[in-house]
Amino acid sequence: MPNLGFGEILLIVFVALLLFGPKKLPELGKAAGRTLREFKNATKGIMDDEDEKQVKKPE
């Protein structure tokens, strides 16, 4: 995946402002942050479960 430079990020922000408007963007950012946080917690829980299974497995 190519790296995004400053110009590309600026263009994405500009287009987002045009599409959603300045009032809607903070709400979208909060929703995206909550979604990422929930995903992170869920994947961490899965990894913890896998670690517990490996420790408890009798040899």
PDB file of N, CA and C in Angstrom:
ATOM      1  N   MET A   1       0.855  -1.175   0.000  1.00  0.00           N
ATOM      2  CA  MET A   1       0.000   0.000   0.000  1.00  0.00           C
ATOM      3  C   MET A   1       0.894   1.228   0.000  1.00  0.00           C
ATOM      4  N   PRO A   2       0.662   2.164  -0.897  1.00  0.00           N
ATOM      5  CA  PRO A   2       1.522   3.340  -0.976  1.00  0.00           C
ATOM      6  C   PRO A   2       1.332   4.263   0.225  1.00  0.00           C
ATOM      7  N   ASN A   3       2.401   4.950   0.563  1.00  0.00           N
ATOM      8  CA  ASN A   3       2.340   5.912   1.661  1.00  0.00           C
ATOM      9  C   ASN A   3       1.587   7.158   1.223  1.00  0.00           C
ATOM     10  N   LEU A   4       0.845   7.743   2.148  1.00  0.00           N
ATOM     11  CA  LEU A   4       0.119   8.972   1.858  1.00  0.00           C
ATOM     12  C   LEU A   4       0.971  10.155   2.303  1.00  0.00           C
ATOM     13  N   GLY A   5       1.158  11.093   1.404  1.00  0.00           N
ATOM     14  CA  GLY A   5       1.892  12.298   1.734  1.00  0.00           C
ATOM     15  C   GLY A   5       0.959  13.374   2.250  1.00  0.00           C
ATOM     16  N   PHE A   6       1.543  14.511   2.574  1.00  0.00           N
ATOM     17  CA  PHE A   6       0.773  15.615   3.118  1.00  0.00           C
ATOM     18  C   PHE A   6      -0.280  16.097   2.124  1.00  0.00           C
ATOM     19  N   GLY A   7       0.068  16.174   0.857  1.00  0.00           N
ATOM     20  CA  GLY A   7      -0.866  16.634  -0.164  1.00  0.00           C
ATOM     21  C   GLY A   7      -2.078  15.732  -0.302  1.00  0.00           C
ATOM     22  N   GLU A   8      -1.843  14.421  -0.267  1.00  0.00           N
ATOM     23  CA  GLU A   8      -2.950  13.476  -0.394  1.00  0.00           C
ATOM     24  C   GLU A   8      -3.887  13.546   0.808  1.00  0.00           C
ATOM     25  N   ILE A   9      -3.306  13.657   1.998  1.00  0.00           N
ATOM     26  CA  ILE A   9      -4.134  13.756   3.206  1.00  0.00           C
ATOM     27  C   ILE A   9      -4.944  15.043   3.183  1.00  0.00           C
ATOM     28  N   LEU A  10      -4.333  16.129   2.760  1.00  0.00           N
ATOM     29  CA  LEU A  10      -5.033  17.404   2.659  1.00  0.00           C
ATOM     30  C   LEU A  10      -6.192  17.313   1.672  1.00  0.00           C
ATOM     31  N   LEU A  11      -5.988  16.643   0.568  1.00  0.00           N
ATOM     32  CA  LEU A  11      -7.049  16.467  -0.429  1.00  0.00           C
ATOM     33  C   LEU A  11      -8.201  15.631   0.137  1.00  0.00           C
ATOM     34  N   ILE A  12      -7.882  14.571   0.868  1.00  0.00           N
ATOM     35  CA  ILE A  12      -8.922  13.734   1.468  1.00  0.00           C
ATOM     36  C   ILE A  12      -9.737  14.533   2.473  1.00  0.00           C
ATOM     37  N   VAL A  13      -9.075  15.331   3.309  1.00  0.00           N
ATOM     38  CA  VAL A  13      -9.778  16.154   4.295  1.00  0.00           C
ATOM     39  C   VAL A  13     -10.664  17.177   3.593  1.00  0.00           C
ATOM     40  N   PHE A  14     -10.183  17.781   2.533  1.00  0.00           N
ATOM     41  CA  PHE A  14     -10.957  18.772   1.786  1.00  0.00           C
ATOM     42  C   PHE A  14     -12.218  18.143   1.180  1.00  0.00           C
ATOM     43  N   VAL A  15     -12.070  16.973   0.593  1.00  0.00           N
ATOM     44  CA  VAL A  15     -13.219  16.288  -0.004  1.00  0.00           C
ATOM     45  C   VAL A  15     -14.217  15.885   1.086  1.00  0.00           C
ATOM     46  N   ALA A  16     -13.715  15.424   2.222  1.00  0.00           N
ATOM     47  CA  ALA A  16     -14.608  15.056   3.327  1.00  0.00           C
ATOM     48  C   ALA A  16     -15.379  16.279   3.813  1.00  0.00           C
ATOM     49  N   LEU A  17     -14.720  17.425   3.900  1.00  0.00           N
ATOM     50  CA  LEU A  17     -15.414  18.652   4.294  1.00  0.00           C
ATOM     51  C   LEU A  17     -16.513  19.017   3.301  1.00  0.00           C
ATOM     52  N   LEU A  18     -16.221  18.853   2.025  1.00  0.00           N
ATOM     53  CA  LEU A  18     -17.229  19.160   1.007  1.00  0.00           C
ATOM     54  C   LEU A  18     -18.416  18.206   1.092  1.00  0.00           C
ATOM     55  N   LEU A  19     -18.144  16.932   1.321  1.00  0.00           N
ATOM     56  CA  LEU A  19     -19.220  15.940   1.335  1.00  0.00           C
ATOM     57  C   LEU A  19     -20.072  16.012   2.596  1.00  0.00           C
ATOM     58  N   PHE A  20     -19.443  16.121   3.747  1.00  0.00           N
ATOM     59  CA  PHE A  20     -20.172  15.997   5.003  1.00  0.00           C
ATOM     60  C   PHE A  20     -20.404  17.320   5.721  1.00  0.00           C
ATOM     61  N   GLY A  21     -19.624  18.316   5.429  1.00  0.00           N
ATOM     62  CA  GLY A  21     -19.771  19.598   6.107  1.00  0.00           C
ATOM     63  C   GLY A  21     -19.039  19.629   7.437  1.00  0.00           C
ATOM     64  N   PRO A  22     -18.725  20.812   7.922  1.00  0.00           N
ATOM     65  CA  PRO A  22     -17.924  20.922   9.144  1.00  0.00           C
ATOM     66  C   PRO A  22     -18.655  20.482  10.414  1.00  0.00           C
ATOM     67  N   LYS A  23     -19.974  20.483  10.411  1.00  0.00           N
ATOM     68  CA  LYS A  23     -20.715  20.083  11.607  1.00  0.00           C
ATOM     69  C   LYS A  23     -20.766  18.569  11.775  1.00  0.00           C
ATOM     70  N   LYS A  24     -20.739  17.850  10.677  1.00  0.00           N
ATOM     71  CA  LYS A  24     -20.892  16.395  10.722  1.00  0.00           C
ATOM     72  C   LYS A  24     -19.555  15.674  10.944  1.00  0.00           C
ATOM     73  N   LEU A  25     -18.428  16.276  10.573  1.00  0.00           N
ATOM     74  CA  LEU A  25     -17.141  15.595  10.665  1.00  0.00           C
ATOM     75  C   LEU A  25     -16.757  15.180  12.088  1.00  0.00           C
ATOM     76  N   PRO A  26     -16.938  16.015  13.120  1.00  0.00           N
ATOM     77  CA  PRO A  26     -16.588  15.543  14.468  1.00  0.00           C
ATOM     78  C   PRO A  26     -17.394  14.314  14.903  1.00  0.00           C
ATOM     79  N   GLU A  27     -18.657  14.258  14.518  1.00  0.00           N
ATOM     80  CA  GLU A  27     -19.478  13.096  14.843  1.00  0.00           C
ATOM     81  C   GLU A  27     -18.950  11.845  14.143  1.00  0.00           C
ATOM     82  N   LEU A  28     -18.559  11.999  12.882  1.00  0.00           N
ATOM     83  CA  LEU A  28     -18.015  10.865  12.143  1.00  0.00           C
ATOM     84  C   LEU A  28     -16.692  10.405  12.752  1.00  0.00           C
ATOM     85  N   GLY A  29     -15.867  11.346  13.182  1.00  0.00           N
ATOM     86  CA  GLY A  29     -14.598  11.010  13.819  1.00  0.00           C
ATOM     87  C   GLY A  29     -14.804  10.254  15.124  1.00  0.00           C
ATOM     88  N   LYS A  30     -15.759  10.690  15.925  1.00  0.00           N
ATOM     89  CA  LYS A  30     -16.057  10.005  17.190  1.00  0.00           C
ATOM     90  C   LYS A  30     -16.549   8.586  16.927  1.00  0.00           C
ATOM     91  N   ALA A  31     -17.415   8.440  15.944  1.00  0.00           N
ATOM     92  CA  ALA A  31     -17.941   7.115  15.618  1.00  0.00           C
ATOM     93  C   ALA A  31     -16.822   6.194  15.126  1.00  0.00           C
ATOM     94  N   ALA A  32     -15.930   6.713  14.297  1.00  0.00           N
ATOM     95  CA  ALA A  32     -14.810   5.907  13.808  1.00  0.00           C
ATOM     96  C   ALA A  32     -13.892   5.517  14.958  1.00  0.00           C
ATOM     97  N   GLY A  33     -13.634   6.428  15.877  1.00  0.00           N
ATOM     98  CA  GLY A  33     -12.798   6.127  17.029  1.00  0.00           C
ATOM     99  C   GLY A  33     -13.406   5.052  17.913  1.00  0.00           C
ATOM    100  N   ARG A  34     -14.715   5.142  18.152  1.00  0.00           N
ATOM    101  CA  ARG A  34     -15.392   4.117  18.962  1.00  0.00           C
ATOM    102  C   ARG A  34     -15.317   2.757  18.281  1.00  0.00           C
ATOM    103  N   THR A  35     -15.511   2.751  16.966  1.00  0.00           N
ATOM    104  CA  THR A  35     -15.467   1.494  16.223  1.00  0.00           C
ATOM    105  C   THR A  35     -14.082   0.867  16.303  1.00  0.00           C
ATOM    106  N   LEU A  36     -13.046   1.663  16.116  1.00  0.00           N
ATOM    107  CA  LEU A  36     -11.685   1.140  16.194  1.00  0.00           C
ATOM    108  C   LEU A  36     -11.360   0.646  17.601  1.00  0.00           C
ATOM    109  N   ARG A  37     -11.820   1.357  18.619  1.00  0.00           N
ATOM    110  CA  ARG A  37     -11.576   0.949  20.001  1.00  0.00           C
ATOM    111  C   ARG A  37     -12.253  -0.388  20.296  1.00  0.00           C
ATOM    112  N   GLU A  38     -13.492  -0.563  19.849  1.00  0.00           N
ATOM    113  CA  GLU A  38     -14.198  -1.825  20.053  1.00  0.00           C
ATOM    114  C   GLU A  38     -13.502  -2.968  19.315  1.00  0.00           C
ATOM    115  N   PHE A  39     -13.050  -2.711  18.103  1.00  0.00           N
ATOM    116  CA  PHE A  39     -12.344  -3.725  17.330  1.00  0.00           C
ATOM    117  C   PHE A  39     -11.051  -4.122  18.032  1.00  0.00           C
ATOM    118  N   LYS A  40     -10.321  -3.150  18.537  1.00  0.00           N
ATOM    119  CA  LYS A  40      -9.069  -3.411  19.243  1.00  0.00           C
ATOM    120  C   LYS A  40      -9.327  -4.262  20.485  1.00  0.00           C
ATOM    121  N   ASN A  41     -10.352  -3.905  21.254  1.00  0.00           N
ATOM    122  CA  ASN A  41     -10.675  -4.671  22.455  1.00  0.00           C
ATOM    123  C   ASN A  41     -11.101  -6.093  22.112  1.00  0.00           C
ATOM    124  N   ALA A  42     -11.857  -6.259  21.043  1.00  0.00           N
ATOM    125  CA  ALA A  42     -12.307  -7.592  20.639  1.00  0.00           C
ATOM    126  C   ALA A  42     -11.137  -8.456  20.198  1.00  0.00           C
ATOM    127  N   THR A  43     -10.229  -7.900  19.413  1.00  0.00           N
ATOM    128  CA  THR A  43      -9.073  -8.681  18.965  1.00  0.00           C
ATOM    129  C   THR A  43      -8.148  -9.001  20.129  1.00  0.00           C
ATOM    130  N   LYS A  44      -8.036  -8.086  21.081  1.00  0.00           N
ATOM    131  CA  LYS A  44      -7.216  -8.348  22.259  1.00  0.00           C
ATOM    132  C   LYS A  44      -7.823  -9.491  23.066  1.00  0.00           C
ATOM    133  N   GLY A  45      -9.142  -9.506  23.190  1.00  0.00           N
ATOM    134  CA  GLY A  45      -9.820 -10.583  23.897  1.00  0.00           C
ATOM    135  C   GLY A  45      -9.609 -11.925  23.228  1.00  0.00           C
ATOM    136  N   ILE A  46      -9.632 -11.957  21.927  1.00  0.00           N
ATOM    137  CA  ILE A  46      -9.420 -13.200  21.182  1.00  0.00           C
ATOM    138  C   ILE A  46      -7.994 -13.692  21.401  1.00  0.00           C
ATOM    139  N   MET A  47      -7.033 -12.777  21.341  1.00  0.00           N
ATOM    140  CA  MET A  47      -5.634 -13.151  21.547  1.00  0.00           C
ATOM    141  C   MET A  47      -5.414 -13.655  22.968  1.00  0.00           C
ATOM    142  N   ASP A  48      -6.056 -13.035  23.963  1.00  0.00           N
ATOM    143  CA  ASP A  48      -5.932 -13.485  25.348  1.00  0.00           C
ATOM    144  C   ASP A  48      -6.518 -14.889  25.505  1.00  0.00           C
ATOM    145  N   ASP A  49      -7.643 -15.153  24.855  1.00  0.00           N
ATOM    146  CA  ASP A  49      -8.260 -16.479  24.906  1.00  0.00           C
ATOM    147  C   ASP A  49      -7.332 -17.531  24.309  1.00  0.00           C
ATOM    148  N   GLU A  50      -6.687 -17.203  23.200  1.00  0.00           N
ATOM    149  CA  GLU A  50      -5.754 -18.132  22.560  1.00  0.00           C
ATOM    150  C   GLU A  50      -4.564 -18.409  23.477  1.00  0.00           C
ATOM    151  N   ASP A  51      -4.065 -17.393  24.141  1.00  0.00           N
ATOM    152  CA  ASP A  51      -2.929 -17.575  25.054  1.00  0.00           C
ATOM    153  C   ASP A  51      -3.316 -18.482  26.216  1.00  0.00           C
ATOM    154  N   GLU A  52      -4.540 -18.313  26.748  1.00  0.00           N
ATOM    155  CA  GLU A  52      -5.009 -19.147  27.859  1.00  0.00           C
ATOM    156  C   GLU A  52      -5.144 -20.604  27.409  1.00  0.00           C
ATOM    157  N   LYS A  53      -5.620 -20.832  26.193  1.00  0.00           N
ATOM    158  CA  LYS A  53      -5.771 -22.194  25.700  1.00  0.00           C
ATOM    159  C   LYS A  53      -4.404 -22.878  25.576  1.00  0.00           C
ATOM    160  N   GLN A  54      -3.386 -22.132  25.144  1.00  0.00           N
ATOM    161  CA  GLN A  54      -2.060 -22.710  24.980  1.00  0.00           C
ATOM    162  C   GLN A  54      -1.446 -23.032  26.337  1.00  0.00           C
ATOM    163  N   VAL A  55      -1.696 -22.207  27.343  1.00  0.00           N
ATOM    164  CA  VAL A  55      -1.130 -22.437  28.665  1.00  0.00           C
ATOM    165  C   VAL A  55      -1.805 -23.624  29.333  1.00  0.00           C
ATOM    166  N   LYS A  56      -3.119 -23.774  29.186  1.00  0.00           N
ATOM    167  CA  LYS A  56      -3.885 -24.829  29.846  1.00  0.00           C
ATOM    168  C   LYS A  56      -3.772 -26.184  29.133  1.00  0.00           C
ATOM    169  N   LYS A  57      -3.276 -26.221  27.907  1.00  0.00           N
ATOM    170  CA  LYS A  57      -3.223 -27.460  27.144  1.00  0.00           C
ATOM    171  C   LYS A  57      -2.219 -28.435  27.785  1.00  0.00           C
ATOM    172  N   PRO A  58      -2.671 -29.608  28.189  1.00  0.00           N
ATOM    173  CA  PRO A  58      -1.742 -30.596  28.803  1.00  0.00           C
ATOM    174  C   PRO A  58      -0.860 -31.225  27.748  1.00  0.00           C
ATOM    175  N   GLU A  59       0.380 -31.489  28.146  1.00  0.00           N
ATOM    176  CA  GLU A  59       1.307 -32.119  27.201  1.00  0.00           C
ATOM    177  C   GLU A  59       1.636 -33.511  27.613  1.00  0.00           C
TER     178      GLU A  59
END
